[in-house]
Every structure is written in C-alpha cells, then in structure tokens.
Amino acid sequence: MTTEPQQQDAPQIELTPPDIEPYRNSSSGVDFVHVFDSGRPGPVVMVQALTHGNELCGAIALDWLFTQGLGRTLRPLQGRLIVSFANVDAYARFDPADPHAARCVDEDLNRVWADTVLLGPRDSLELRRARALQPFVDAADFLLDIHSMQDACRPLMVCGLLDKGADFSRQLGMPGELLIDTGHPSGLRMRDRGGFGDPASPKNALLLECGQHWERSSAAVAVDALIRFLRLTGMVAPDWAAQHLLLPLPTEQRLIRVDQPITALSEDFHFLMPVHGLDVIAQAGTAFAQDGDTVFRTPYDDCVLVMPAMKHGRPGNTMVRLGRLER
C-alpha cells in the first residue's frame, strides 16, 4: 500500500485554462458546439471537453486541435466530427484559488443523461445545457469524453458497463488501466446513454480520466488520446496523427472490473489507512474505511481501489469503487 497521507495538500495548478471564447459561435446553432462535415459517408464522431468545468485538460486538447487548423486546413476525412465544450458556465467560474468550486454550477452534468431526467420537469443550468447537447450526443456513433480526476492517479479509461467499451479502448491502445464499472447510482452518464450502453448497438463511447485535474501531464494525455481517437475513427490521416503524437503506448493494458461502489452513509465516512487511486489491497476481509458504526472490508483478495475520494463526502456520494483485476 502507498504511504501517502489521506488528506493531501492543496494541489498545484500547473495548467493554464485556455481562452475558449473564440469557439463560442458556430454554425451548429448551439454555442461552443462545432460540427464539421466531410461530405463523405462515414461515422458521426463526437469529442467533448469540460463535462466538468474544472477539468482543464480536455479544453486544452480541443483548443490545441483548433490551433492545428480544424475547420480550415484540417477537416474530417469521412463522416462528421462534432467538437463540444460542455459545461462552459462552470468553466467561466474557474478560479485557481478555489479550483474545485468550478466543477459544476447547480449539479453534475454527467449524471443527467437518462430520458426521465432530460425529458422531465426538473430544471438546472446543467440540465439546460444537457438538453441543448442531447441531439449531438444521440447522433454520435463514437464518443470520447475527456475528464480528469480529483486526486493523483494514473490515467484510466472508464469503458462503461459493457465489454465493448474495453474492446474499443484496446483498439485505441491506451491508457494502461481500463475500467468496466457499475455506473453511478446518482444518475446516468453521457457515455452510457442510448446505444453507447446497449450491447447490441454498434455505437461506442469512452470516458478518459487523464490524471489529476491540474497536473501538466494530464494535458499531454488528453492531446495524445484525442489524436489516437480521431485516427481510430477515420477522422484524420494516420500520417498526420503520427507527426503529432506525444506519448508512447503503455506496454500492457489491464482490465479492472468494478463490482461494488462504496457510497457515504453520512459525512463521517473516512478511510482507515492511507489510500491512493489504483492501490491493491492483497487480503480479503481487510478493513479499509468506516462510516459511523459501519466498517467496510475488502470482499476479495487483490482488491483494487478505484478513484477513492479524499475529500469529505455527503450521504449518497461514491467514495471509492472496488474492482477485480483481470489480465
């Protein structure tokens, strides 16, 4: 196990938020959503940043793509390419002095993608934005949703609930850790919506966690994944992609199959040992967290701790997910 303390110092902000205002106006009819049509048959491919407003690496990657001439000298080779900056209102509030506060305005944009929520009577800033994005998401055959994590962790791919997501990530070749999970009890994610979450559908989606929110390395991972995704889906030429790749592929990809999310019962949830993302607890029955009188123990040997939350949680928040490692 790692010996790092559970409560970490305030993170250093190594990334500079790009100015995305030049990308506000578009011909799509929705601000900050751009559609590029090749005029040729092919898939509809969507890449998205800023599902959460404080996750800078995706905005940096899309900004980089625009600086390469996207829409001018660089256009999709087939089908259509959708480029979306999602929670732009939260992003506009980003303040390095309080970087966590810009995650969302009213609620998590990545928990509202069930029809019962999108088409229901409830209202919030994030719901209004999701309703504007819905036609683009539903049109997409392939989706890359670029995220980052609260605490330091190696990059990992959230492949959804289905093996087809892991197969898609293996085609991409990165990152080293692939996660098949159980979703979120608090709401449906974009990457699980519609055909993305249907095993019979050819549609597929990936949610990439590039590393800690504000580490410089997360931006490099985001740019590299974006290039590889555009190449894999036939949007850009292999030669163009090869000229711009930044990082080597991992030597292997490991699949972690999550079977148990651990949610806070109260604000008293706390870990009983120092923990870090992707730690492996060797012995089944090891007590690793407690919430009031409830003690949480590992259900099996070699239990992987996926994205443990270091901040105090609220009842119902997912504090960590437990997974089995499959090689």
Protein backbone atom coordinates (compact mmCIF):
# COMPACT_ATOMS: atom_id res chain seq x y z
CA MET A 1 0.00 0.00 0.00
CA THR A 2 1.06 3.58 -0.55
CA THR A 3 2.29 5.59 2.42
CA GLU A 4 0.89 8.89 1.24
CA PRO A 5 -1.40 10.65 3.72
CA GLN A 6 -5.15 10.50 3.16
CA GLN A 7 -5.59 14.27 3.24
CA GLN A 8 -3.29 15.84 0.68
CA ASP A 9 -2.07 19.40 0.43
CA ALA A 10 -3.86 21.77 -1.91
CA PRO A 11 -2.85 20.82 -5.47
CA GLN A 12 -0.53 22.98 -7.51
CA ILE A 13 -2.19 24.38 -10.63
CA GLU A 14 0.26 23.53 -13.40
CA LEU A 15 -2.14 24.17 -16.29
CA THR A 16 -3.41 27.45 -17.72
CA PRO A 17 -7.10 27.48 -18.71
CA PRO A 18 -7.29 28.28 -22.43
CA ASP A 19 -9.48 31.07 -23.73
CA ILE A 20 -12.39 29.29 -25.38
CA GLU A 21 -14.39 32.41 -26.22
CA PRO A 22 -13.24 32.25 -29.89
CA TYR A 23 -15.15 28.94 -30.10
CA ARG A 24 -18.48 30.29 -28.83
CA ASN A 25 -20.20 30.98 -32.16
CA SER A 26 -20.79 28.08 -34.51
CA SER A 27 -22.98 27.03 -37.40
CA SER A 28 -24.48 24.22 -35.31
CA GLY A 29 -26.93 26.58 -33.64
CA VAL A 30 -25.57 25.80 -30.17
CA ASP A 31 -22.77 27.85 -28.63
CA PHE A 32 -19.44 26.07 -28.21
CA VAL A 33 -20.56 23.06 -30.29
CA HIS A 34 -18.99 22.77 -33.74
CA VAL A 35 -19.91 20.28 -36.47
CA PHE A 36 -17.55 19.58 -39.37
CA ASP A 37 -18.98 17.61 -42.28
CA SER A 38 -16.60 15.87 -44.69
CA GLY A 39 -19.29 15.49 -47.36
CA ARG A 40 -18.41 11.78 -47.50
CA PRO A 41 -20.08 8.74 -45.94
CA GLY A 42 -18.78 7.74 -42.56
CA PRO A 43 -19.42 7.75 -38.83
CA VAL A 44 -20.51 10.65 -36.67
CA VAL A 45 -17.71 11.17 -34.16
CA MET A 46 -18.01 13.39 -31.09
CA VAL A 47 -15.20 14.64 -28.83
CA GLN A 48 -16.10 16.55 -25.70
CA ALA A 49 -14.31 18.58 -23.05
CA LEU A 50 -15.48 20.34 -19.90
CA THR A 51 -18.21 17.98 -18.84
CA HIS A 52 -16.94 19.33 -15.53
CA GLY A 53 -15.80 22.95 -15.55
CA ASN A 54 -12.61 22.46 -13.55
CA GLU A 55 -11.18 19.67 -15.73
CA LEU A 56 -8.82 21.73 -17.85
CA CYS A 57 -7.02 19.07 -19.88
CA GLY A 58 -9.90 18.44 -22.28
CA ALA A 59 -10.29 22.14 -23.05
CA ILE A 60 -6.55 22.33 -23.68
CA ALA A 61 -6.76 19.36 -26.07
CA LEU A 62 -9.68 20.81 -28.08
CA ASP A 63 -8.04 24.23 -28.16
CA TRP A 64 -4.89 22.55 -29.50
CA LEU A 65 -6.96 20.84 -32.20
CA PHE A 66 -8.40 24.16 -33.34
CA THR A 67 -4.89 25.67 -33.48
CA GLN A 68 -3.92 22.87 -35.87
CA GLY A 69 -6.38 24.31 -38.39
CA LEU A 70 -9.57 22.43 -37.51
CA GLY A 71 -12.31 23.67 -39.81
CA ARG A 72 -9.80 25.27 -42.18
CA THR A 73 -6.84 23.19 -43.30
CA LEU A 74 -7.82 20.25 -41.09
CA ARG A 75 -11.18 18.65 -41.79
CA PRO A 76 -12.57 15.16 -41.21
CA LEU A 77 -11.74 12.66 -43.93
CA GLN A 78 -15.14 10.96 -43.66
CA GLY A 79 -18.45 11.35 -41.89
CA ARG A 80 -18.94 14.20 -39.44
CA LEU A 81 -16.93 15.43 -36.48
CA ILE A 82 -18.64 17.11 -33.50
CA VAL A 83 -16.43 19.13 -31.15
CA SER A 84 -18.10 20.20 -27.91
CA PHE A 85 -17.17 22.31 -24.91
CA ALA A 86 -19.85 21.23 -22.44
CA ASN A 87 -20.21 22.99 -19.09
CA VAL A 88 -18.91 26.36 -20.21
CA ASP A 89 -20.72 28.28 -17.46
CA ALA A 90 -18.92 26.31 -14.77
CA TYR A 91 -15.63 26.72 -16.63
CA ALA A 92 -16.11 30.50 -16.72
CA ARG A 93 -16.06 30.43 -12.92
CA PHE A 94 -12.70 28.64 -12.66
CA ASP A 95 -10.50 30.27 -10.02
CA PRO A 96 -7.08 28.79 -9.18
CA ALA A 97 -7.64 29.93 -5.59
CA ASP A 98 -10.67 27.61 -5.30
CA PRO A 99 -10.39 25.22 -8.26
CA HIS A 100 -12.83 22.58 -7.01
CA ALA A 101 -15.72 25.06 -6.99
CA ALA A 102 -15.90 25.19 -10.80
CA ARG A 103 -16.86 21.53 -11.22
CA CYS A 104 -20.49 22.49 -11.80
CA VAL A 105 -22.97 25.30 -11.17
CA ASP A 106 -26.17 23.58 -10.00
CA GLU A 107 -25.49 19.86 -10.37
CA ASP A 108 -23.21 17.30 -12.03
CA LEU A 109 -23.67 17.48 -15.82
CA ASN A 110 -22.59 13.84 -16.07
CA ARG A 111 -25.50 12.45 -14.04
CA VAL A 112 -28.46 13.79 -16.02
CA TRP A 113 -28.47 11.71 -19.20
CA ALA A 114 -31.45 9.42 -18.58
CA ASP A 115 -34.58 10.33 -20.54
CA THR A 116 -36.53 10.50 -17.29
CA VAL A 117 -34.30 13.41 -16.27
CA LEU A 118 -33.64 15.07 -19.64
CA LEU A 119 -37.30 14.99 -20.66
CA GLY A 120 -38.66 15.56 -17.18
CA PRO A 121 -39.87 18.76 -15.49
CA ARG A 122 -36.80 19.44 -13.35
CA ASP A 123 -34.59 22.43 -14.20
CA SER A 124 -30.99 23.46 -13.60
CA LEU A 125 -28.26 25.17 -15.57
CA GLU A 126 -26.63 21.80 -16.28
CA LEU A 127 -29.92 20.28 -17.39
CA ARG A 128 -30.49 23.12 -19.83
CA ARG A 129 -27.04 22.58 -21.27
CA ALA A 130 -27.57 18.81 -21.48
CA ARG A 131 -30.83 19.34 -23.34
CA ALA A 132 -29.00 21.52 -25.85
CA LEU A 133 -26.28 18.88 -26.27
CA GLN A 134 -28.64 15.90 -26.48
CA PRO A 135 -29.20 15.93 -30.29
CA PHE A 136 -25.44 15.84 -30.88
CA VAL A 137 -24.86 13.07 -28.35
CA ASP A 138 -27.71 11.00 -29.78
CA ALA A 139 -26.39 11.47 -33.33
CA ALA A 140 -22.88 10.29 -32.46
CA ASP A 141 -21.66 6.83 -33.39
CA PHE A 142 -18.46 7.21 -31.38
CA LEU A 143 -17.81 9.46 -28.39
CA LEU A 144 -14.67 10.48 -26.49
CA ASP A 145 -15.47 12.35 -23.28
CA ILE A 146 -12.26 13.81 -21.79
CA HIS A 147 -12.07 14.09 -17.99
CA SER A 148 -9.55 14.29 -15.17
CA MET A 149 -9.51 13.24 -11.52
CA GLN A 150 -9.59 14.98 -8.17
CA ASP A 151 -6.60 13.10 -6.75
CA ALA A 152 -3.32 11.96 -8.27
CA CYS A 153 -3.76 8.72 -10.18
CA ARG A 154 -2.51 7.05 -13.33
CA PRO A 155 -4.74 7.67 -16.36
CA LEU A 156 -7.60 5.24 -16.73
CA MET A 157 -10.35 4.62 -19.24
CA VAL A 158 -13.92 4.35 -17.98
CA CYS A 159 -15.26 1.85 -20.50
CA GLY A 160 -18.80 1.80 -19.15
CA LEU A 161 -20.76 -1.26 -18.11
CA LEU A 162 -20.05 -3.34 -21.22
CA ASP A 163 -17.11 -5.28 -22.60
CA LYS A 164 -17.47 -3.48 -25.93
CA GLY A 165 -16.12 -0.32 -24.28
CA ALA A 166 -12.98 -2.17 -23.17
CA ASP A 167 -12.58 -3.64 -26.66
CA PHE A 168 -12.78 -0.11 -28.09
CA SER A 169 -10.11 1.12 -25.67
CA ARG A 170 -7.85 -1.77 -26.62
CA GLN A 171 -8.16 -0.64 -30.24
CA LEU A 172 -7.14 2.82 -29.09
CA GLY A 173 -4.16 1.28 -27.30
CA MET A 174 -4.28 3.48 -24.22
CA PRO A 175 -4.27 4.04 -21.29
CA GLY A 176 -2.79 1.21 -19.23
CA GLU A 177 -5.81 0.76 -16.94
CA LEU A 178 -9.28 0.00 -18.33
CA LEU A 179 -12.34 0.12 -16.10
CA ILE A 180 -15.65 -1.69 -16.55
CA ASP A 181 -17.89 -0.39 -13.79
CA THR A 182 -21.42 -0.30 -12.43
CA GLY A 183 -22.31 3.26 -13.38
CA HIS A 184 -23.39 5.84 -10.81
CA PRO A 185 -26.41 5.45 -8.51
CA SER A 186 -26.90 9.23 -8.64
CA GLY A 187 -27.62 9.33 -12.39
CA LEU A 188 -26.80 8.19 -15.92
CA ARG A 189 -23.55 9.37 -17.52
CA MET A 190 -23.35 10.64 -21.08
CA ARG A 191 -21.07 7.77 -22.07
CA ASP A 192 -23.76 5.25 -21.05
CA ARG A 193 -26.67 6.93 -22.86
CA GLY A 194 -28.66 5.19 -25.60
CA GLY A 195 -26.69 2.98 -27.95
CA PHE A 196 -23.46 3.55 -26.02
CA GLY A 197 -24.95 1.47 -23.22
CA ASP A 198 -26.64 -1.12 -25.45
CA PRO A 199 -24.62 -4.30 -26.09
CA ALA A 200 -26.45 -4.84 -29.39
CA SER A 201 -25.65 -1.37 -30.76
CA PRO A 202 -22.54 -0.64 -32.87
CA LYS A 203 -22.27 2.73 -31.11
CA ASN A 204 -19.42 3.03 -28.62
CA ALA A 205 -18.09 5.56 -26.15
CA LEU A 206 -15.04 6.16 -24.00
CA LEU A 207 -14.59 8.35 -20.94
CA LEU A 208 -10.93 9.07 -20.35
CA GLU A 209 -9.63 10.14 -16.94
CA CYS A 210 -6.33 11.77 -17.91
CA GLY A 211 -4.79 12.12 -14.44
CA GLN A 212 -5.08 14.71 -11.68
CA HIS A 213 -7.08 17.77 -12.72
CA TRP A 214 -4.26 20.29 -12.83
CA GLU A 215 -1.10 18.26 -13.40
CA ARG A 216 0.73 19.18 -16.60
CA SER A 217 0.87 15.53 -17.63
CA SER A 218 -2.94 15.32 -17.88
CA ALA A 219 -2.92 17.74 -20.82
CA ALA A 220 -0.39 15.62 -22.70
CA VAL A 221 -2.52 12.52 -22.12
CA ALA A 222 -5.63 14.37 -23.35
CA VAL A 223 -3.98 15.59 -26.55
CA ASP A 224 -2.48 12.18 -27.28
CA ALA A 225 -5.77 10.37 -26.70
CA LEU A 226 -7.62 12.87 -28.89
CA ILE A 227 -5.20 12.28 -31.77
CA ARG A 228 -5.41 8.49 -31.42
CA PHE A 229 -9.21 8.60 -31.22
CA LEU A 230 -9.50 10.73 -34.36
CA ARG A 231 -7.18 8.34 -36.18
CA LEU A 232 -9.04 5.26 -34.97
CA THR A 233 -12.39 6.63 -36.12
CA GLY A 234 -11.05 7.69 -39.52
CA MET A 235 -11.31 11.44 -38.96
CA VAL A 236 -7.61 12.15 -39.62
CA ALA A 237 -4.90 10.52 -41.70
CA PRO A 238 -2.50 8.12 -39.97
CA ASP A 239 0.49 10.15 -41.17
CA TRP A 240 -0.92 13.37 -39.67
CA ALA A 241 -1.56 11.60 -36.37
CA ALA A 242 1.91 10.07 -36.23
CA GLN A 243 3.50 13.52 -36.61
CA HIS A 244 1.68 14.90 -33.56
CA LEU A 245 1.63 12.07 -31.03
CA LEU A 246 3.32 12.96 -27.75
CA LEU A 247 3.45 9.78 -25.67
CA PRO A 248 4.36 6.12 -26.14
CA LEU A 249 1.68 3.50 -25.74
CA PRO A 250 1.66 1.51 -22.48
CA THR A 251 3.36 -1.87 -22.62
CA GLU A 252 0.13 -3.55 -21.47
CA GLN A 253 -3.48 -2.72 -20.72
CA ARG A 254 -5.08 -4.17 -17.60
CA LEU A 255 -8.82 -4.54 -17.12
CA ILE A 256 -10.36 -3.71 -13.76
CA ARG A 257 -13.93 -4.93 -13.38
CA VAL A 258 -15.75 -2.95 -10.72
CA ASP A 259 -18.48 -4.81 -8.88
CA GLN A 260 -19.09 -2.66 -5.82
CA PRO A 261 -19.34 1.10 -5.39
CA ILE A 262 -18.92 2.29 -1.80
CA THR A 263 -21.14 5.26 -1.03
CA ALA A 264 -21.09 7.51 2.01
CA LEU A 265 -23.83 6.88 4.55
CA SER A 266 -23.05 10.11 6.36
CA GLU A 267 -20.47 12.89 6.48
CA ASP A 268 -18.43 10.68 8.86
CA PHE A 269 -17.10 8.44 6.07
CA HIS A 270 -13.31 8.09 6.33
CA PHE A 271 -10.58 5.72 5.22
CA LEU A 272 -8.79 3.67 7.86
CA MET A 273 -5.46 3.67 6.04
CA PRO A 274 -3.60 5.87 3.58
CA VAL A 275 -5.10 5.22 0.13
CA HIS A 276 -4.32 6.21 -3.43
CA GLY A 277 -6.06 5.57 -6.72
CA LEU A 278 -5.48 2.04 -8.12
CA ASP A 279 -4.00 0.76 -4.86
CA VAL A 280 -4.37 -3.00 -4.48
CA ILE A 281 -5.26 -4.49 -1.07
CA ALA A 282 -3.91 -8.02 -1.06
CA GLN A 283 -6.09 -9.77 1.52
CA ALA A 284 -9.85 -10.22 1.56
CA GLY A 285 -11.54 -9.01 4.73
CA THR A 286 -9.19 -6.05 5.24
CA ALA A 287 -10.96 -3.09 6.87
CA PHE A 288 -10.28 -0.03 4.73
CA ALA A 289 -13.00 2.50 5.59
CA GLN A 290 -15.60 3.30 8.22
CA ASP A 291 -18.81 5.35 8.32
CA GLY A 292 -20.30 5.60 11.81
CA ASP A 293 -20.63 2.04 13.06
CA THR A 294 -20.32 0.57 9.57
CA VAL A 295 -16.90 -0.85 8.68
CA PHE A 296 -16.13 -1.53 5.01
CA ARG A 297 -13.92 -4.55 4.25
CA THR A 298 -12.41 -5.84 1.01
CA PRO A 299 -14.65 -8.58 -0.43
CA TYR A 300 -11.84 -10.50 -2.15
CA ASP A 301 -8.06 -10.78 -2.48
CA ASP A 302 -6.20 -8.27 -4.65
CA CYS A 303 -8.99 -5.71 -4.40
CA VAL A 304 -8.37 -2.56 -6.47
CA LEU A 305 -9.39 0.83 -5.03
CA VAL A 306 -10.69 2.90 -7.94
CA MET A 307 -10.73 6.69 -7.58
CA PRO A 308 -11.00 6.99 -3.78
CA ALA A 309 -12.34 10.41 -2.80
CA MET A 310 -10.03 12.22 -0.40
CA LYS A 311 -12.49 14.98 0.47
CA HIS A 312 -15.29 14.50 2.98
CA GLY A 313 -18.32 13.10 1.25
CA ARG A 314 -22.01 13.62 1.61
CA PRO A 315 -24.57 10.84 2.03
CA GLY A 316 -25.01 9.07 -1.29
CA ASN A 317 -21.68 10.19 -2.78
CA THR A 318 -19.49 7.46 -4.24
CA MET A 319 -16.32 7.46 -2.11
CA VAL A 320 -14.48 4.59 -3.82
CA ARG A 321 -15.20 1.74 -6.16
CA LEU A 322 -13.88 -1.79 -5.63
CA GLY A 323 -12.70 -3.88 -8.55
CA ARG A 324 -11.09 -7.14 -9.58
CA LEU A 325 -8.02 -7.08 -11.79
CA GLU A 326 -8.32 -9.18 -14.96
CA ARG A 327 -5.23 -9.79 -17.06
